[in-house]
N, C-alpha and C. Protein backbone atom coordinates (compact mmCIF):
# COMPACT_ATOMS: atom_id res chain seq x y z
N MET A 1 49.09 37.63 -24.94
CA MET A 1 48.07 38.02 -26.15
C MET A 1 46.82 37.57 -26.50
N ALA A 2 47.55 36.56 -27.64
CA ALA A 2 46.95 36.51 -28.67
C ALA A 2 46.00 34.89 -28.44
N ARG A 3 46.36 34.28 -27.11
CA ARG A 3 45.66 32.87 -26.61
C ARG A 3 44.69 33.85 -26.30
N ILE A 4 44.81 34.59 -25.32
CA ILE A 4 43.61 35.52 -24.78
C ILE A 4 42.55 35.87 -25.75
N ILE A 5 42.75 36.21 -27.00
CA ILE A 5 41.94 36.92 -28.31
C ILE A 5 40.97 35.64 -28.50
N LEU A 6 42.05 34.46 -28.77
CA LEU A 6 41.33 33.38 -28.97
C LEU A 6 40.21 32.99 -28.17
N VAL A 7 40.46 32.50 -26.83
CA VAL A 7 39.69 32.24 -25.62
C VAL A 7 38.77 33.24 -25.83
N LEU A 8 38.78 34.24 -26.07
CA LEU A 8 37.26 35.33 -26.19
C LEU A 8 36.82 34.97 -27.47
N SER A 9 37.40 34.80 -28.35
CA SER A 9 36.56 34.37 -29.95
C SER A 9 35.90 33.30 -30.08
N LEU A 10 36.80 32.05 -29.22
CA LEU A 10 35.75 30.99 -29.05
C LEU A 10 34.69 31.13 -27.95
N CYS A 11 34.64 32.08 -26.94
CA CYS A 11 33.74 32.16 -26.54
C CYS A 11 32.33 32.59 -26.68
N ALA A 12 32.96 33.86 -28.03
CA ALA A 12 31.99 34.39 -28.49
C ALA A 12 30.75 33.35 -29.24
N VAL A 13 31.58 32.39 -29.96
CA VAL A 13 31.01 31.54 -30.83
C VAL A 13 29.93 30.94 -30.07
N PHE A 14 30.40 30.24 -28.86
CA PHE A 14 29.77 29.23 -27.80
C PHE A 14 28.75 30.14 -27.77
N LEU A 15 28.64 31.46 -26.74
CA LEU A 15 27.68 32.13 -26.58
C LEU A 15 26.19 32.61 -27.42
N GLN A 16 26.86 32.55 -29.15
CA GLN A 16 25.83 32.76 -29.95
C GLN A 16 24.91 31.67 -30.29
N ALA A 17 25.59 30.34 -29.70
CA ALA A 17 24.81 29.25 -30.15
C ALA A 17 23.23 28.99 -29.74
N ARG A 18 22.44 28.66 -30.30
CA ARG A 18 20.75 27.90 -30.10
C ARG A 18 20.71 26.87 -30.02
N GLU A 19 20.09 26.44 -29.17
CA GLU A 19 19.17 24.80 -29.64
C GLU A 19 17.77 24.86 -29.35
N TRP A 20 17.74 24.39 -30.82
CA TRP A 20 16.05 24.30 -31.02
C TRP A 20 15.32 22.75 -30.72
N THR A 21 14.08 22.78 -30.17
CA THR A 21 13.38 21.34 -30.26
C THR A 21 12.25 21.63 -31.13
N LEU A 22 12.18 21.28 -32.03
CA LEU A 22 10.91 21.26 -32.98
C LEU A 22 10.25 20.01 -32.91
N ARG A 23 8.82 20.06 -33.37
CA ARG A 23 8.08 18.91 -33.15
C ARG A 23 7.65 18.81 -34.62
N ILE A 24 8.41 17.45 -35.03
CA ILE A 24 7.60 17.76 -36.54
C ILE A 24 6.70 16.80 -36.85
N GLY A 25 5.31 16.83 -37.44
CA GLY A 25 4.30 16.04 -37.87
C GLY A 25 4.52 15.06 -39.40
N GLY A 26 3.92 13.90 -38.86
CA GLY A 26 3.75 13.22 -40.17
C GLY A 26 5.30 12.48 -40.19
N MET A 27 6.21 12.53 -39.95
CA MET A 27 7.29 11.24 -40.16
C MET A 27 6.96 10.11 -39.41
N HIS A 28 7.29 8.88 -39.88
CA HIS A 28 6.99 7.63 -39.71
C HIS A 28 7.93 6.59 -40.13
N CYS A 29 9.14 7.27 -40.50
CA CYS A 29 10.12 6.09 -40.74
C CYS A 29 11.63 6.88 -41.40
N ILE A 30 12.53 5.75 -41.20
CA ILE A 30 14.10 6.12 -41.22
C ILE A 30 14.20 7.49 -42.41
N ALA A 31 13.72 7.18 -43.59
CA ALA A 31 13.76 8.23 -44.89
C ALA A 31 13.29 9.52 -44.07
N CYS A 32 12.30 9.27 -43.87
CA CYS A 32 11.75 11.24 -43.16
C CYS A 32 12.38 11.66 -42.52
N THR A 33 13.17 10.66 -41.50
CA THR A 33 14.04 11.66 -40.62
C THR A 33 15.74 11.98 -41.65
N LEU A 34 15.85 11.06 -42.37
CA LEU A 34 16.68 11.79 -42.99
C LEU A 34 16.79 12.84 -44.02
N ALA A 35 15.38 12.46 -44.67
CA ALA A 35 15.02 14.05 -45.80
C ALA A 35 14.76 15.21 -44.81
N VAL A 36 14.21 15.28 -44.08
CA VAL A 36 14.38 16.28 -42.86
C VAL A 36 15.73 16.48 -42.60
N LYS A 37 16.48 15.73 -41.68
CA LYS A 37 17.88 16.25 -41.47
C LYS A 37 18.61 17.19 -42.41
N LYS A 38 18.65 16.36 -43.78
CA LYS A 38 18.86 16.97 -44.84
C LYS A 38 18.69 18.45 -44.99
N ALA A 39 17.21 18.54 -45.00
CA ALA A 39 16.67 19.89 -45.35
C ALA A 39 17.34 20.81 -44.38
N LEU A 40 16.62 20.56 -42.81
CA LEU A 40 17.87 21.16 -41.97
C LEU A 40 18.97 21.86 -41.96
N MET A 41 20.24 20.69 -42.43
CA MET A 41 21.65 20.81 -42.06
C MET A 41 21.72 21.99 -43.63
N GLU A 42 20.88 22.23 -44.80
CA GLU A 42 21.03 22.70 -45.66
C GLU A 42 20.68 24.45 -45.53
N VAL A 43 20.31 24.89 -44.28
CA VAL A 43 19.54 26.09 -43.78
C VAL A 43 21.21 26.59 -43.45
N PRO A 44 21.58 27.63 -44.03
CA PRO A 44 22.75 28.28 -43.57
C PRO A 44 22.72 29.14 -42.12
N GLY A 45 23.83 28.40 -41.01
CA GLY A 45 23.76 28.58 -39.88
C GLY A 45 23.51 27.57 -38.94
N VAL A 46 22.82 26.10 -39.70
CA VAL A 46 22.44 25.18 -38.78
C VAL A 46 23.87 24.41 -38.42
N ARG A 47 24.59 23.72 -37.36
CA ARG A 47 25.36 23.54 -36.76
C ARG A 47 25.34 21.88 -37.05
N ASN A 48 23.99 21.71 -36.66
CA ASN A 48 24.20 19.97 -36.30
C ASN A 48 22.19 19.83 -36.00
N ALA A 49 22.09 18.69 -36.74
CA ALA A 49 20.63 18.54 -36.58
C ALA A 49 20.21 16.64 -35.87
N LYS A 50 19.43 16.51 -34.92
CA LYS A 50 19.64 15.27 -34.89
C LYS A 50 17.81 15.16 -35.08
N VAL A 51 17.26 14.05 -35.65
CA VAL A 51 16.05 13.97 -36.18
C VAL A 51 15.53 12.54 -35.83
N THR A 52 14.60 12.11 -35.02
CA THR A 52 14.08 11.09 -34.51
C THR A 52 12.30 10.83 -34.91
N PHE A 53 12.01 9.76 -35.95
CA PHE A 53 10.53 9.63 -36.24
C PHE A 53 9.68 8.99 -35.04
N LYS A 54 10.31 8.78 -34.25
CA LYS A 54 9.72 7.64 -33.21
C LYS A 54 8.87 8.90 -32.20
N ASN A 55 9.26 9.93 -32.30
CA ASN A 55 8.38 11.01 -31.21
C ASN A 55 8.85 12.56 -32.04
N GLU A 56 8.77 12.17 -33.08
CA GLU A 56 8.74 13.49 -34.16
C GLU A 56 9.29 14.66 -33.55
N THR A 57 10.73 14.55 -33.42
CA THR A 57 11.45 15.93 -33.05
C THR A 57 12.55 15.87 -33.70
N ALA A 58 12.79 17.10 -33.83
CA ALA A 58 14.60 17.56 -33.96
C ALA A 58 15.09 18.16 -33.28
N LEU A 59 16.21 17.70 -32.48
CA LEU A 59 17.21 18.83 -32.10
C LEU A 59 17.92 19.28 -32.65
N VAL A 60 17.98 20.98 -32.54
CA VAL A 60 19.05 21.60 -33.91
C VAL A 60 19.79 22.36 -33.35
N ASP A 61 20.60 22.68 -33.24
CA ASP A 61 21.62 23.68 -33.07
C ASP A 61 22.34 24.49 -34.21
N THR A 62 22.08 25.48 -34.23
CA THR A 62 22.16 27.11 -34.52
C THR A 62 23.00 28.03 -34.27
N ASP A 63 23.22 28.92 -35.48
CA ASP A 63 23.71 30.42 -34.89
C ASP A 63 22.93 31.13 -34.09
N GLU A 64 22.74 32.45 -33.82
CA GLU A 64 21.84 33.13 -33.88
C GLU A 64 21.13 33.31 -35.06
N SER A 65 21.75 33.57 -36.07
CA SER A 65 21.44 34.29 -37.42
C SER A 65 20.02 33.13 -37.92
N VAL A 66 19.85 32.07 -37.26
CA VAL A 66 19.08 31.43 -37.93
C VAL A 66 17.39 31.16 -37.11
N THR A 67 16.66 31.32 -38.25
CA THR A 67 15.20 31.75 -37.96
C THR A 67 14.23 30.56 -37.99
N LEU A 68 13.35 30.47 -37.60
CA LEU A 68 12.22 29.58 -37.29
C LEU A 68 11.68 29.15 -38.96
N ASN A 69 11.42 30.54 -38.95
CA ASN A 69 10.85 30.96 -40.33
C ASN A 69 12.00 30.18 -41.70
N ALA A 70 12.90 30.36 -41.41
CA ALA A 70 14.25 29.49 -42.57
C ALA A 70 13.93 27.77 -42.40
N MET A 71 13.76 27.31 -41.12
CA MET A 71 13.44 25.97 -40.51
C MET A 71 12.68 25.47 -41.19
N GLN A 72 11.40 26.13 -40.70
CA GLN A 72 10.09 26.18 -41.22
C GLN A 72 10.01 25.60 -42.83
N THR A 73 10.42 26.94 -43.79
CA THR A 73 10.89 26.70 -45.06
C THR A 73 11.39 25.63 -45.48
N ALA A 74 12.52 25.13 -45.12
CA ALA A 74 13.54 23.94 -45.39
C ALA A 74 12.57 22.64 -44.91
N VAL A 75 11.82 22.67 -43.96
CA VAL A 75 11.01 21.44 -43.77
C VAL A 75 10.00 21.13 -44.21
N ALA A 76 9.41 22.38 -45.08
CA ALA A 76 7.77 22.39 -45.92
C ALA A 76 8.52 21.97 -46.89
N ARG A 77 9.86 21.94 -47.41
CA ARG A 77 10.25 21.44 -48.95
C ARG A 77 10.14 19.91 -48.72
N THR A 78 10.05 19.21 -47.69
CA THR A 78 10.22 17.91 -47.63
C THR A 78 8.93 17.08 -47.60
N GLY A 79 7.95 17.96 -47.18
CA GLY A 79 6.67 17.27 -47.09
C GLY A 79 6.27 17.59 -45.87
N TYR A 80 6.73 17.63 -44.89
CA TYR A 80 6.84 17.93 -43.53
C TYR A 80 6.33 19.30 -43.01
N ALA A 81 5.83 19.49 -41.63
CA ALA A 81 5.54 20.78 -41.11
C ALA A 81 5.97 20.70 -39.58
N ILE A 82 6.62 21.82 -39.07
CA ILE A 82 7.20 22.03 -37.92
C ILE A 82 5.85 22.53 -36.97
N THR A 83 5.26 21.61 -36.11
CA THR A 83 4.13 21.93 -35.59
C THR A 83 4.25 22.51 -34.34
N SER A 84 5.72 22.31 -33.59
CA SER A 84 5.85 23.64 -32.52
C SER A 84 7.44 23.44 -32.48
N ALA A 85 7.95 24.99 -31.71
CA ALA A 85 9.08 25.45 -31.62
C ALA A 85 9.40 25.83 -30.36
N VAL A 86 10.52 25.35 -29.61
CA VAL A 86 11.17 26.11 -28.58
C VAL A 86 13.09 26.37 -28.77
N SER A 87 12.76 27.48 -28.43
CA SER A 87 14.68 27.70 -28.50
C SER A 87 14.88 28.22 -26.96
N LYS A 88 16.37 27.57 -27.28
CA LYS A 88 16.80 27.42 -25.66
C LYS A 88 17.94 28.80 -25.93
């Protein structure tokens, strides 16, 4: 019985995950990506962030509690802006 409850709990965690693709304007070096990644990882509920300056994007895995506004605020503190976002 305990195994079933554990499996159901794990499924609930994975079902609540969201994946965001963010376009971030103005990044041009590795230092930019590190600053943006750090800011995103400090948002409560962000599980992982992969930021690349070459195509100015961030792939962010979050739980359902994370809002676009929270990520925009965090990124804005680094001097960059999220110019578009898609959530899956």
